[in-house]
Amino acid sequence: MAIVSAEKFVAAARENGYAIGGFNTNNLEWTQAILRAAEAKQAPILIQTSMGAGKYMGGYKTAKYIIENLVESMNITVPIAIHLDHGHFEDAKEVIEIGYTSLMFDGSHLPIAENLEKTKEIVALAHAKGISVEAEVGSIGGEEDGIIGEGELAPIEDAVEMVKTGIDFLAAGIGNIHGPYPANWKGLHLDHLQKLTDAVPGFPIVLHGGSGIPDDQIKAAIKMGVAKVNVNTESQQAFAAATRKFAAEYEANEAEYDKKKLFDPRKFLKPGIDAVQAAVEERIDVFGSANKA
């Protein structure tokens, strides 16, 4: 099987100046699309479930089994990490027991002392089982499963202390937000990212809210130390646009499409799922992780 923890391939990305994509899944079809894209591009990736997606998919155990079984049945050869995105403390402990190979404990909404203490506990539990750990200081703008941040710049001293907990990669706010970027967004604070990477030299930084950031800014951030970029909204938007287009075509040609049984969800959802795969492949190219498996 190609399922592994993420610390080695994220560290390799940091060392060699590219980034690994962390792609959120929502169901079986999305997982297939992400895996097809990773295999086509020969890129290591993290397949991520948020707390909400884990619940939607029937629980973390079900999500894990879906990913594992698809990796095997699809003959996936590239490294795949099964990752919890923005997990609360109890959720992080749950996926450790279930057997995810990577996780993010997000204690950014807690006082920094509590965030550090709980992160240390998660690191000890996870590393005992060979599971990679991501943590966050400051907060990322927008909303992710009820965790809301205004996108402040992560305090450098907090980032340094968080790295000392033994985590494998660090999410830190540099002006990025979750969800669609507003028209008045001023862009990434690359000057702050430089201060951050100077303070934790060589350490992999995670860029959350990667959907919608101009490619030149993403590439600049990667050169400065970002080694993992999260993508969710972009895939969702690609799926929605392709599905809406197909639905409009269906309405205009209802008799013909009914005759072809395109109401079958396997056929009805295919344009959207193909769009997810295309979006993931395009992001892999931007991140520079193609042919890095």
C-alpha atoms as a PDB file:
ATOM      1  CA  MET A   1       0.000   0.000   0.000  1.00  0.00           C
ATOM      2  CA  ALA A   2       1.057   3.567  -0.635  1.00  0.00           C
ATOM      3  CA  ILE A   3      -0.368   4.921   2.641  1.00  0.00           C
ATOM      4  CA  VAL A   4       2.280   6.537   4.858  1.00  0.00           C
ATOM      5  CA  SER A   5       2.742   9.307   7.387  1.00  0.00           C
ATOM      6  CA  ALA A   6       3.543  12.699   5.882  1.00  0.00           C
ATOM      7  CA  GLU A   7       6.593  14.002   7.723  1.00  0.00           C
ATOM      8  CA  LYS A   8       9.215  12.602   5.336  1.00  0.00           C
ATOM      9  CA  PHE A   9       7.685  13.786   2.086  1.00  0.00           C
ATOM     10  CA  VAL A  10       6.743  17.201   3.532  1.00  0.00           C
ATOM     11  CA  ALA A  11      10.291  17.605   4.855  1.00  0.00           C
ATOM     12  CA  ALA A  12      11.639  16.652   1.411  1.00  0.00           C
ATOM     13  CA  ALA A  13       9.423  19.313  -0.157  1.00  0.00           C
ATOM     14  CA  ARG A  14      10.769  21.940   2.271  1.00  0.00           C
ATOM     15  CA  GLU A  15      14.345  20.937   1.566  1.00  0.00           C
ATOM     16  CA  ASN A  16      13.933  20.935  -2.206  1.00  0.00           C
ATOM     17  CA  GLY A  17      11.759  24.003  -2.752  1.00  0.00           C
ATOM     18  CA  TYR A  18       8.331  22.662  -3.669  1.00  0.00           C
ATOM     19  CA  ALA A  19       5.096  22.025  -1.744  1.00  0.00           C
ATOM     20  CA  ILE A  20       2.817  19.066  -1.129  1.00  0.00           C
ATOM     21  CA  GLY A  21      -0.903  19.478  -1.653  1.00  0.00           C
ATOM     22  CA  GLY A  22      -3.285  18.743   1.185  1.00  0.00           C
ATOM     23  CA  PHE A  23      -6.565  18.036  -0.618  1.00  0.00           C
ATOM     24  CA  ASN A  24      -9.821  17.771   1.313  1.00  0.00           C
ATOM     25  CA  THR A  25     -12.247  15.026   0.396  1.00  0.00           C
ATOM     26  CA  ASN A  26     -15.985  14.797   1.041  1.00  0.00           C
ATOM     27  CA  ASN A  27     -17.032  11.375  -0.213  1.00  0.00           C
ATOM     28  CA  LEU A  28     -16.012   8.328  -2.225  1.00  0.00           C
ATOM     29  CA  GLU A  29     -16.110  10.073  -5.601  1.00  0.00           C
ATOM     30  CA  TRP A  30     -13.980  13.002  -4.416  1.00  0.00           C
ATOM     31  CA  THR A  31     -11.467  10.562  -2.994  1.00  0.00           C
ATOM     32  CA  GLN A  32     -11.272   8.758  -6.322  1.00  0.00           C
ATOM     33  CA  ALA A  33     -10.719  12.048  -8.156  1.00  0.00           C
ATOM     34  CA  ILE A  34      -7.931  13.128  -5.810  1.00  0.00           C
ATOM     35  CA  LEU A  35      -6.214   9.742  -6.023  1.00  0.00           C
ATOM     36  CA  ARG A  36      -6.447   9.686  -9.823  1.00  0.00           C
ATOM     37  CA  ALA A  37      -4.880  13.128  -9.947  1.00  0.00           C
ATOM     38  CA  ALA A  38      -2.043  12.171  -7.597  1.00  0.00           C
ATOM     39  CA  GLU A  39      -1.273   9.019  -9.571  1.00  0.00           C
ATOM     40  CA  ALA A  40      -1.448  10.817 -12.923  1.00  0.00           C
ATOM     41  CA  LYS A  41       0.959  13.477 -11.674  1.00  0.00           C
ATOM     42  CA  GLN A  42       3.100  11.036  -9.661  1.00  0.00           C
ATOM     43  CA  ALA A  43       2.813  13.370  -6.695  1.00  0.00           C
ATOM     44  CA  PRO A  44       2.726  12.553  -2.988  1.00  0.00           C
ATOM     45  CA  ILE A  45      -0.335  14.096  -1.321  1.00  0.00           C
ATOM     46  CA  LEU A  46      -2.336  14.273   1.868  1.00  0.00           C
ATOM     47  CA  ILE A  47      -6.017  13.367   1.568  1.00  0.00           C
ATOM     48  CA  GLN A  48      -7.698  15.378   4.289  1.00  0.00           C
ATOM     49  CA  THR A  49     -10.997  15.074   6.107  1.00  0.00           C
ATOM     50  CA  SER A  50     -12.215  18.016   8.132  1.00  0.00           C
ATOM     51  CA  MET A  51     -14.247  17.235  11.232  1.00  0.00           C
ATOM     52  CA  GLY A  52     -17.403  18.054   9.275  1.00  0.00           C
ATOM     53  CA  ALA A  53     -16.453  15.885   6.316  1.00  0.00           C
ATOM     54  CA  GLY A  54     -15.534  13.025   8.620  1.00  0.00           C
ATOM     55  CA  LYS A  55     -19.009  13.155  10.145  1.00  0.00           C
ATOM     56  CA  TYR A  56     -20.621  13.489   6.694  1.00  0.00           C
ATOM     57  CA  MET A  57     -18.758  10.407   5.438  1.00  0.00           C
ATOM     58  CA  GLY A  58     -20.049   8.298   8.334  1.00  0.00           C
ATOM     59  CA  GLY A  59     -17.226   8.824  10.806  1.00  0.00           C
ATOM     60  CA  TYR A  60     -13.451   8.879  10.698  1.00  0.00           C
ATOM     61  CA  LYS A  61     -13.213   5.095  10.600  1.00  0.00           C
ATOM     62  CA  THR A  62     -15.423   4.945   7.512  1.00  0.00           C
ATOM     63  CA  ALA A  63     -13.429   7.731   5.851  1.00  0.00           C
ATOM     64  CA  LYS A  64     -10.174   5.886   6.576  1.00  0.00           C
ATOM     65  CA  TYR A  65     -11.509   2.620   5.172  1.00  0.00           C
ATOM     66  CA  ILE A  66     -12.751   4.345   2.008  1.00  0.00           C
ATOM     67  CA  ILE A  67      -9.341   5.902   1.382  1.00  0.00           C
ATOM     68  CA  GLU A  68      -7.431   2.711   2.208  1.00  0.00           C
ATOM     69  CA  ASN A  69      -9.613   0.498   0.042  1.00  0.00           C
ATOM     70  CA  LEU A  70      -9.478   2.884  -2.914  1.00  0.00           C
ATOM     71  CA  VAL A  71      -5.700   3.161  -2.693  1.00  0.00           C
ATOM     72  CA  GLU A  72      -5.550  -0.627  -2.945  1.00  0.00           C
ATOM     73  CA  SER A  73      -8.262  -1.179  -5.567  1.00  0.00           C
ATOM     74  CA  MET A  74      -7.009   1.677  -7.778  1.00  0.00           C
ATOM     75  CA  ASN A  75      -3.406   0.421  -7.571  1.00  0.00           C
ATOM     76  CA  ILE A  76      -2.149   3.773  -6.326  1.00  0.00           C
ATOM     77  CA  THR A  77       1.653   3.809  -6.146  1.00  0.00           C
ATOM     78  CA  VAL A  78       2.406   7.325  -4.885  1.00  0.00           C
ATOM     79  CA  PRO A  79       2.691   8.135  -1.154  1.00  0.00           C
ATOM     80  CA  ILE A  80      -0.680   9.019   0.380  1.00  0.00           C
ATOM     81  CA  ALA A  81      -1.189  10.323   3.912  1.00  0.00           C
ATOM     82  CA  ILE A  82      -4.633  10.170   5.520  1.00  0.00           C
ATOM     83  CA  HIS A  83      -4.850  13.466   7.390  1.00  0.00           C
ATOM     84  CA  LEU A  84      -7.275  15.090   9.818  1.00  0.00           C
ATOM     85  CA  ASP A  85      -7.673  18.789   8.974  1.00  0.00           C
ATOM     86  CA  HIS A  86      -8.379  21.290  11.807  1.00  0.00           C
ATOM     87  CA  GLY A  87      -9.105  18.680  14.419  1.00  0.00           C
ATOM     88  CA  HIS A  88     -10.138  19.475  17.960  1.00  0.00           C
ATOM     89  CA  PHE A  89      -8.283  17.736  20.804  1.00  0.00           C
ATOM     90  CA  GLU A  90     -10.655  14.776  21.170  1.00  0.00           C
ATOM     91  CA  ASP A  91     -10.920  14.345  17.395  1.00  0.00           C
ATOM     92  CA  ALA A  92      -7.135  14.253  17.125  1.00  0.00           C
ATOM     93  CA  LYS A  93      -6.987  11.530  19.770  1.00  0.00           C
ATOM     94  CA  GLU A  94      -9.751   9.608  17.985  1.00  0.00           C
ATOM     95  CA  VAL A  95      -7.968   9.486  14.625  1.00  0.00           C
ATOM     96  CA  ILE A  96      -4.764   8.392  16.373  1.00  0.00           C
ATOM     97  CA  GLU A  97      -6.637   5.387  17.726  1.00  0.00           C
ATOM     98  CA  ILE A  98      -8.403   4.735  14.410  1.00  0.00           C
ATOM     99  CA  GLY A  99      -5.181   4.776  12.418  1.00  0.00           C
ATOM    100  CA  TYR A 100      -4.988   7.967  10.377  1.00  0.00           C
ATOM    101  CA  THR A 101      -1.384   8.458   9.324  1.00  0.00           C
ATOM    102  CA  SER A 102      -1.296  12.232   9.828  1.00  0.00           C
ATOM    103  CA  LEU A 103      -3.307  14.826  11.709  1.00  0.00           C
ATOM    104  CA  MET A 104      -3.673  18.483  12.508  1.00  0.00           C
ATOM    105  CA  PHE A 105      -4.493  19.437  16.050  1.00  0.00           C
ATOM    106  CA  ASP A 106      -5.879  22.965  15.836  1.00  0.00           C
ATOM    107  CA  GLY A 107      -5.613  24.628  19.220  1.00  0.00           C
ATOM    108  CA  SER A 108      -5.271  28.096  17.727  1.00  0.00           C
ATOM    109  CA  HIS A 109      -8.510  29.203  19.399  1.00  0.00           C
ATOM    110  CA  LEU A 110      -7.055  28.367  22.828  1.00  0.00           C
ATOM    111  CA  PRO A 111      -4.705  30.447  24.996  1.00  0.00           C
ATOM    112  CA  ILE A 112      -1.183  29.803  23.729  1.00  0.00           C
ATOM    113  CA  ALA A 113      -0.072  27.979  26.902  1.00  0.00           C
ATOM    114  CA  GLU A 114      -2.987  25.545  26.587  1.00  0.00           C
ATOM    115  CA  ASN A 115      -2.416  25.152  22.854  1.00  0.00           C
ATOM    116  CA  LEU A 116       1.230  24.226  23.487  1.00  0.00           C
ATOM    117  CA  GLU A 117       0.421  21.828  26.319  1.00  0.00           C
ATOM    118  CA  LYS A 118      -2.259  19.963  24.378  1.00  0.00           C
ATOM    119  CA  THR A 119      -0.086  19.863  21.270  1.00  0.00           C
ATOM    120  CA  LYS A 120       2.693  18.208  23.283  1.00  0.00           C
ATOM    121  CA  GLU A 121       0.244  15.528  24.409  1.00  0.00           C
ATOM    122  CA  ILE A 122      -0.963  14.913  20.848  1.00  0.00           C
ATOM    123  CA  VAL A 123       2.622  14.748  19.557  1.00  0.00           C
ATOM    124  CA  ALA A 124       3.522  12.115  22.155  1.00  0.00           C
ATOM    125  CA  LEU A 125       0.478   9.990  21.335  1.00  0.00           C
ATOM    126  CA  ALA A 126       0.830  10.345  17.567  1.00  0.00           C
ATOM    127  CA  HIS A 127       4.587   9.882  17.272  1.00  0.00           C
ATOM    128  CA  ALA A 128       4.358   6.705  19.357  1.00  0.00           C
ATOM    129  CA  LYS A 129       2.362   5.300  16.440  1.00  0.00           C
ATOM    130  CA  GLY A 130       4.379   6.896  13.629  1.00  0.00           C
ATOM    131  CA  ILE A 131       1.727   9.519  12.856  1.00  0.00           C
ATOM    132  CA  SER A 132       2.794  12.969  11.632  1.00  0.00           C
ATOM    133  CA  VAL A 133       1.464  16.056  13.400  1.00  0.00           C
ATOM    134  CA  GLU A 134       0.569  19.557  12.209  1.00  0.00           C
ATOM    135  CA  ALA A 135      -0.364  22.333  14.638  1.00  0.00           C
ATOM    136  CA  GLU A 136      -1.328  26.000  14.364  1.00  0.00           C
ATOM    137  CA  VAL A 137      -0.500  29.264  16.078  1.00  0.00           C
ATOM    138  CA  GLY A 138      -2.437  32.447  15.557  1.00  0.00           C
ATOM    139  CA  SER A 139      -5.477  31.701  13.450  1.00  0.00           C
ATOM    140  CA  ILE A 140      -6.339  31.533   9.782  1.00  0.00           C
ATOM    141  CA  GLY A 141      -9.017  33.921   8.515  1.00  0.00           C
ATOM    142  CA  GLY A 142     -12.493  32.720   7.624  1.00  0.00           C
ATOM    143  CA  GLU A 143     -14.258  29.702   9.111  1.00  0.00           C
ATOM    144  CA  GLU A 144     -13.357  26.024   9.204  1.00  0.00           C
ATOM    145  CA  ASP A 145     -15.737  23.695  11.073  1.00  0.00           C
ATOM    146  CA  GLY A 146     -16.699  26.383  13.564  1.00  0.00           C
ATOM    147  CA  ILE A 147     -13.171  27.639  14.162  1.00  0.00           C
ATOM    148  CA  ILE A 148     -13.215  31.289  13.135  1.00  0.00           C
ATOM    149  CA  GLY A 149     -10.159  33.478  12.627  1.00  0.00           C
ATOM    150  CA  GLU A 150      -9.698  37.010  11.432  1.00  0.00           C
ATOM    151  CA  GLY A 151      -6.432  36.143   9.709  1.00  0.00           C
ATOM    152  CA  GLU A 152      -4.062  37.882  12.080  1.00  0.00           C
ATOM    153  CA  LEU A 153      -0.347  37.414  11.591  1.00  0.00           C
ATOM    154  CA  ALA A 154       0.926  34.560  13.734  1.00  0.00           C
ATOM    155  CA  PRO A 155       3.167  35.727  16.584  1.00  0.00           C
ATOM    156  CA  ILE A 156       6.731  34.671  15.789  1.00  0.00           C
ATOM    157  CA  GLU A 157       7.545  33.784  19.396  1.00  0.00           C
ATOM    158  CA  ASP A 158       4.503  31.485  19.537  1.00  0.00           C
ATOM    159  CA  ALA A 159       5.616  29.759  16.339  1.00  0.00           C
ATOM    160  CA  VAL A 160       9.073  29.122  17.803  1.00  0.00           C
ATOM    161  CA  GLU A 161       7.577  27.599  20.954  1.00  0.00           C
ATOM    162  CA  MET A 162       5.183  25.457  18.915  1.00  0.00           C
ATOM    163  CA  VAL A 163       8.015  23.995  16.839  1.00  0.00           C
ATOM    164  CA  LYS A 164       9.720  23.006  20.121  1.00  0.00           C
ATOM    165  CA  THR A 165       6.757  20.707  20.926  1.00  0.00           C
ATOM    166  CA  GLY A 166       8.039  18.267  18.308  1.00  0.00           C
ATOM    167  CA  ILE A 167       5.421  18.803  15.603  1.00  0.00           C
ATOM    168  CA  ASP A 168       6.303  17.926  12.023  1.00  0.00           C
ATOM    169  CA  PHE A 169       4.875  20.983  10.218  1.00  0.00           C
ATOM    170  CA  LEU A 170       3.363  24.288  11.304  1.00  0.00           C
ATOM    171  CA  ALA A 171       0.339  26.279  10.136  1.00  0.00           C
ATOM    172  CA  ALA A 172       0.702  29.986  10.832  1.00  0.00           C
ATOM    173  CA  GLY A 173      -1.348  32.941   9.659  1.00  0.00           C
ATOM    174  CA  ILE A 174       0.278  35.229   7.113  1.00  0.00           C
ATOM    175  CA  GLY A 175      -2.846  36.979   5.863  1.00  0.00           C
ATOM    176  CA  ASN A 176      -4.448  33.873   4.360  1.00  0.00           C
ATOM    177  CA  ILE A 177      -8.113  32.952   4.890  1.00  0.00           C
ATOM    178  CA  HIS A 178     -10.392  29.954   4.449  1.00  0.00           C
ATOM    179  CA  GLY A 179     -13.030  30.095   1.734  1.00  0.00           C
ATOM    180  CA  PRO A 180     -13.305  32.515  -1.206  1.00  0.00           C
ATOM    181  CA  TYR A 181     -11.062  35.579  -0.988  1.00  0.00           C
ATOM    182  CA  PRO A 182     -12.882  38.931  -0.922  1.00  0.00           C
ATOM    183  CA  ALA A 183     -12.210  41.567  -3.567  1.00  0.00           C
ATOM    184  CA  ASN A 184     -10.474  43.810  -1.047  1.00  0.00           C
ATOM    185  CA  TRP A 185      -8.026  41.127   0.172  1.00  0.00           C
ATOM    186  CA  LYS A 186      -4.543  42.626   0.252  1.00  0.00           C
ATOM    187  CA  GLY A 187      -2.570  39.464  -0.388  1.00  0.00           C
ATOM    188  CA  LEU A 188      -0.163  37.351   1.648  1.00  0.00           C
ATOM    189  CA  HIS A 189       2.171  39.092   4.077  1.00  0.00           C
ATOM    190  CA  LEU A 190       5.329  37.589   2.623  1.00  0.00           C
ATOM    191  CA  ASP A 191       7.448  39.842   4.818  1.00  0.00           C
ATOM    192  CA  HIS A 192       5.932  38.156   7.859  1.00  0.00           C
ATOM    193  CA  LEU A 193       6.502  34.728   6.326  1.00  0.00           C
ATOM    194  CA  GLN A 194      10.171  35.622   5.922  1.00  0.00           C
ATOM    195  CA  LYS A 195      10.403  36.547   9.602  1.00  0.00           C
ATOM    196  CA  LEU A 196       8.718  33.257  10.459  1.00  0.00           C
ATOM    197  CA  THR A 197      11.037  31.097   8.371  1.00  0.00           C
ATOM    198  CA  ASP A 198      14.065  32.982   9.677  1.00  0.00           C
ATOM    199  CA  ALA A 199      12.922  32.129  13.213  1.00  0.00           C
ATOM    200  CA  VAL A 200      12.418  28.405  12.470  1.00  0.00           C
ATOM    201  CA  PRO A 201      14.978  27.764   9.712  1.00  0.00           C
ATOM    202  CA  GLY A 202      14.322  24.745   7.534  1.00  0.00           C
ATOM    203  CA  PHE A 203      11.034  23.923   9.246  1.00  0.00           C
ATOM    204  CA  PRO A 204       8.044  23.110   6.963  1.00  0.00           C
ATOM    205  CA  ILE A 205       5.323  25.780   7.011  1.00  0.00           C
ATOM    206  CA  VAL A 206       1.731  25.042   5.970  1.00  0.00           C
ATOM    207  CA  LEU A 207      -0.308  27.513   3.931  1.00  0.00           C
ATOM    208  CA  HIS A 208      -4.007  27.134   4.705  1.00  0.00           C
ATOM    209  CA  GLY A 209      -6.676  28.740   2.548  1.00  0.00           C
ATOM    210  CA  GLY A 210      -4.673  27.961  -0.586  1.00  0.00           C
ATOM    211  CA  SER A 211      -7.699  28.246  -2.877  1.00  0.00           C
ATOM    212  CA  GLY A 212      -7.829  31.621  -4.569  1.00  0.00           C
ATOM    213  CA  ILE A 213      -4.365  32.909  -3.705  1.00  0.00           C
ATOM    214  CA  PRO A 214      -2.666  34.121  -6.910  1.00  0.00           C
ATOM    215  CA  ASP A 215      -0.181  31.567  -8.197  1.00  0.00           C
ATOM    216  CA  ASP A 216       2.727  34.000  -8.081  1.00  0.00           C
ATOM    217  CA  GLN A 217       2.156  34.543  -4.362  1.00  0.00           C
ATOM    218  CA  ILE A 218       1.901  30.801  -3.720  1.00  0.00           C
ATOM    219  CA  LYS A 219       5.154  30.182  -5.586  1.00  0.00           C
ATOM    220  CA  ALA A 220       6.862  32.993  -3.691  1.00  0.00           C
ATOM    221  CA  ALA A 221       5.638  31.530  -0.394  1.00  0.00           C
ATOM    222  CA  ILE A 222       6.959  28.093  -1.379  1.00  0.00           C
ATOM    223  CA  LYS A 223      10.387  29.558  -2.113  1.00  0.00           C
ATOM    224  CA  MET A 224      10.348  31.087   1.365  1.00  0.00           C
ATOM    225  CA  GLY A 225       9.515  27.899   3.249  1.00  0.00           C
ATOM    226  CA  VAL A 226       5.924  26.798   2.663  1.00  0.00           C
ATOM    227  CA  ALA A 227       6.018  23.024   2.116  1.00  0.00           C
ATOM    228  CA  LYS A 228       2.312  22.123   2.308  1.00  0.00           C
ATOM    229  CA  VAL A 229      -0.631  23.963   0.757  1.00  0.00           C
ATOM    230  CA  ASN A 230      -4.236  23.132   1.655  1.00  0.00           C
ATOM    231  CA  VAL A 231      -6.899  23.085  -1.060  1.00  0.00           C
ATOM    232  CA  ASN A 232     -10.619  22.673  -0.511  1.00  0.00           C
ATOM    233  CA  THR A 233     -12.700  25.612  -1.774  1.00  0.00           C
ATOM    234  CA  GLU A 234     -11.117  25.475  -5.223  1.00  0.00           C
ATOM    235  CA  SER A 235     -12.166  21.852  -5.684  1.00  0.00           C
ATOM    236  CA  GLN A 236     -15.656  22.612  -4.399  1.00  0.00           C
ATOM    237  CA  GLN A 237     -16.039  25.527  -6.796  1.00  0.00           C
ATOM    238  CA  ALA A 238     -14.813  23.419  -9.729  1.00  0.00           C
ATOM    239  CA  PHE A 239     -17.297  20.679  -8.828  1.00  0.00           C
ATOM    240  CA  ALA A 240     -20.183  23.127  -8.478  1.00  0.00           C
ATOM    241  CA  ALA A 241     -19.451  24.920 -11.759  1.00  0.00           C
ATOM    242  CA  ALA A 242     -19.207  21.686 -13.766  1.00  0.00           C
ATOM    243  CA  THR A 243     -22.311  20.217 -12.122  1.00  0.00           C
ATOM    244  CA  ARG A 244     -24.370  23.363 -12.732  1.00  0.00           C
ATOM    245  CA  LYS A 245     -23.277  23.366 -16.374  1.00  0.00           C
ATOM    246  CA  PHE A 246     -24.274  19.740 -16.824  1.00  0.00           C
ATOM    247  CA  ALA A 247     -27.609  20.311 -15.057  1.00  0.00           C
ATOM    248  CA  ALA A 248     -28.376  23.194 -17.415  1.00  0.00           C
ATOM    249  CA  GLU A 249     -27.545  21.003 -20.409  1.00  0.00           C
ATOM    250  CA  TYR A 250     -29.747  18.268 -18.968  1.00  0.00           C
ATOM    251  CA  GLU A 251     -32.680  20.666 -18.608  1.00  0.00           C
ATOM    252  CA  ALA A 252     -32.274  21.826 -22.199  1.00  0.00           C
ATOM    253  CA  ASN A 253     -32.119  18.244 -23.507  1.00  0.00           C
ATOM    254  CA  GLU A 254     -34.254  16.395 -20.980  1.00  0.00           C
ATOM    255  CA  ALA A 255     -35.823  13.783 -23.240  1.00  0.00           C
ATOM    256  CA  GLU A 256     -32.507  12.851 -24.840  1.00  0.00           C
ATOM    257  CA  TYR A 257     -30.638  12.749 -21.524  1.00  0.00           C
ATOM    258  CA  ASP A 258     -33.379  10.705 -19.871  1.00  0.00           C
ATOM    259  CA  LYS A 259     -33.160   8.202 -22.712  1.00  0.00           C
ATOM    260  CA  LYS A 260     -29.419   7.893 -22.026  1.00  0.00           C
ATOM    261  CA  LYS A 261     -30.189   7.447 -18.307  1.00  0.00           C
ATOM    262  CA  LEU A 262     -27.975  10.348 -17.390  1.00  0.00           C
ATOM    263  CA  PHE A 263     -30.047  10.716 -14.230  1.00  0.00           C
ATOM    264  CA  ASP A 264     -27.921   7.843 -12.880  1.00  0.00           C
ATOM    265  CA  PRO A 265     -25.821   9.575 -10.193  1.00  0.00           C
ATOM    266  CA  ARG A 266     -22.703   7.853 -11.491  1.00  0.00           C
ATOM    267  CA  LYS A 267     -23.250   9.683 -14.772  1.00  0.00           C
ATOM    268  CA  PHE A 268     -24.850  12.847 -13.404  1.00  0.00           C
ATOM    269  CA  LEU A 269     -21.959  13.532 -11.024  1.00  0.00           C
ATOM    270  CA  LYS A 270     -19.176  12.584 -13.456  1.00  0.00           C
ATOM    271  CA  PRO A 271     -18.564  16.076 -14.935  1.00  0.00           C
ATOM    272  CA  GLY A 272     -18.194  17.523 -11.443  1.00  0.00           C
ATOM    273  CA  ILE A 273     -15.894  14.763 -10.261  1.00  0.00           C
ATOM    274  CA  ASP A 274     -13.762  15.081 -13.413  1.00  0.00           C
ATOM    275  CA  ALA A 275     -13.511  18.797 -12.659  1.00  0.00           C
ATOM    276  CA  VAL A 276     -12.217  18.025  -9.163  1.00  0.00           C
ATOM    277  CA  GLN A 277      -9.507  15.813 -10.628  1.00  0.00           C
ATOM    278  CA  ALA A 278      -8.515  18.519 -13.113  1.00  0.00           C
ATOM    279  CA  ALA A 279      -8.386  21.125 -10.330  1.00  0.00           C
ATOM    280  CA  VAL A 280      -6.166  18.899  -8.179  1.00  0.00           C
ATOM    281  CA  GLU A 281      -3.816  18.148 -11.071  1.00  0.00           C
ATOM    282  CA  GLU A 282      -3.518  21.859 -11.855  1.00  0.00           C
ATOM    283  CA  ARG A 283      -2.677  22.667  -8.223  1.00  0.00           C
ATOM    284  CA  ILE A 284      -0.043  19.929  -8.114  1.00  0.00           C
ATOM    285  CA  ASP A 285       1.645  21.557 -11.103  1.00  0.00           C
ATOM    286  CA  VAL A 286       1.597  24.972  -9.410  1.00  0.00           C
ATOM    287  CA  PHE A 287       3.015  23.546  -6.174  1.00  0.00           C
ATOM    288  CA  GLY A 288       5.852  21.841  -8.074  1.00  0.00           C
ATOM    289  CA  SER A 289       5.217  18.385  -6.597  1.00  0.00           C
ATOM    290  CA  ALA A 290       4.557  16.527  -9.861  1.00  0.00           C
ATOM    291  CA  ASN A 291       6.954  13.587 -10.349  1.00  0.00           C
ATOM    292  CA  LYS A 292       8.189  13.891  -6.760  1.00  0.00           C
ATOM    293  CA  ALA A 293       6.742  10.565  -5.589  1.00  0.00           C
END
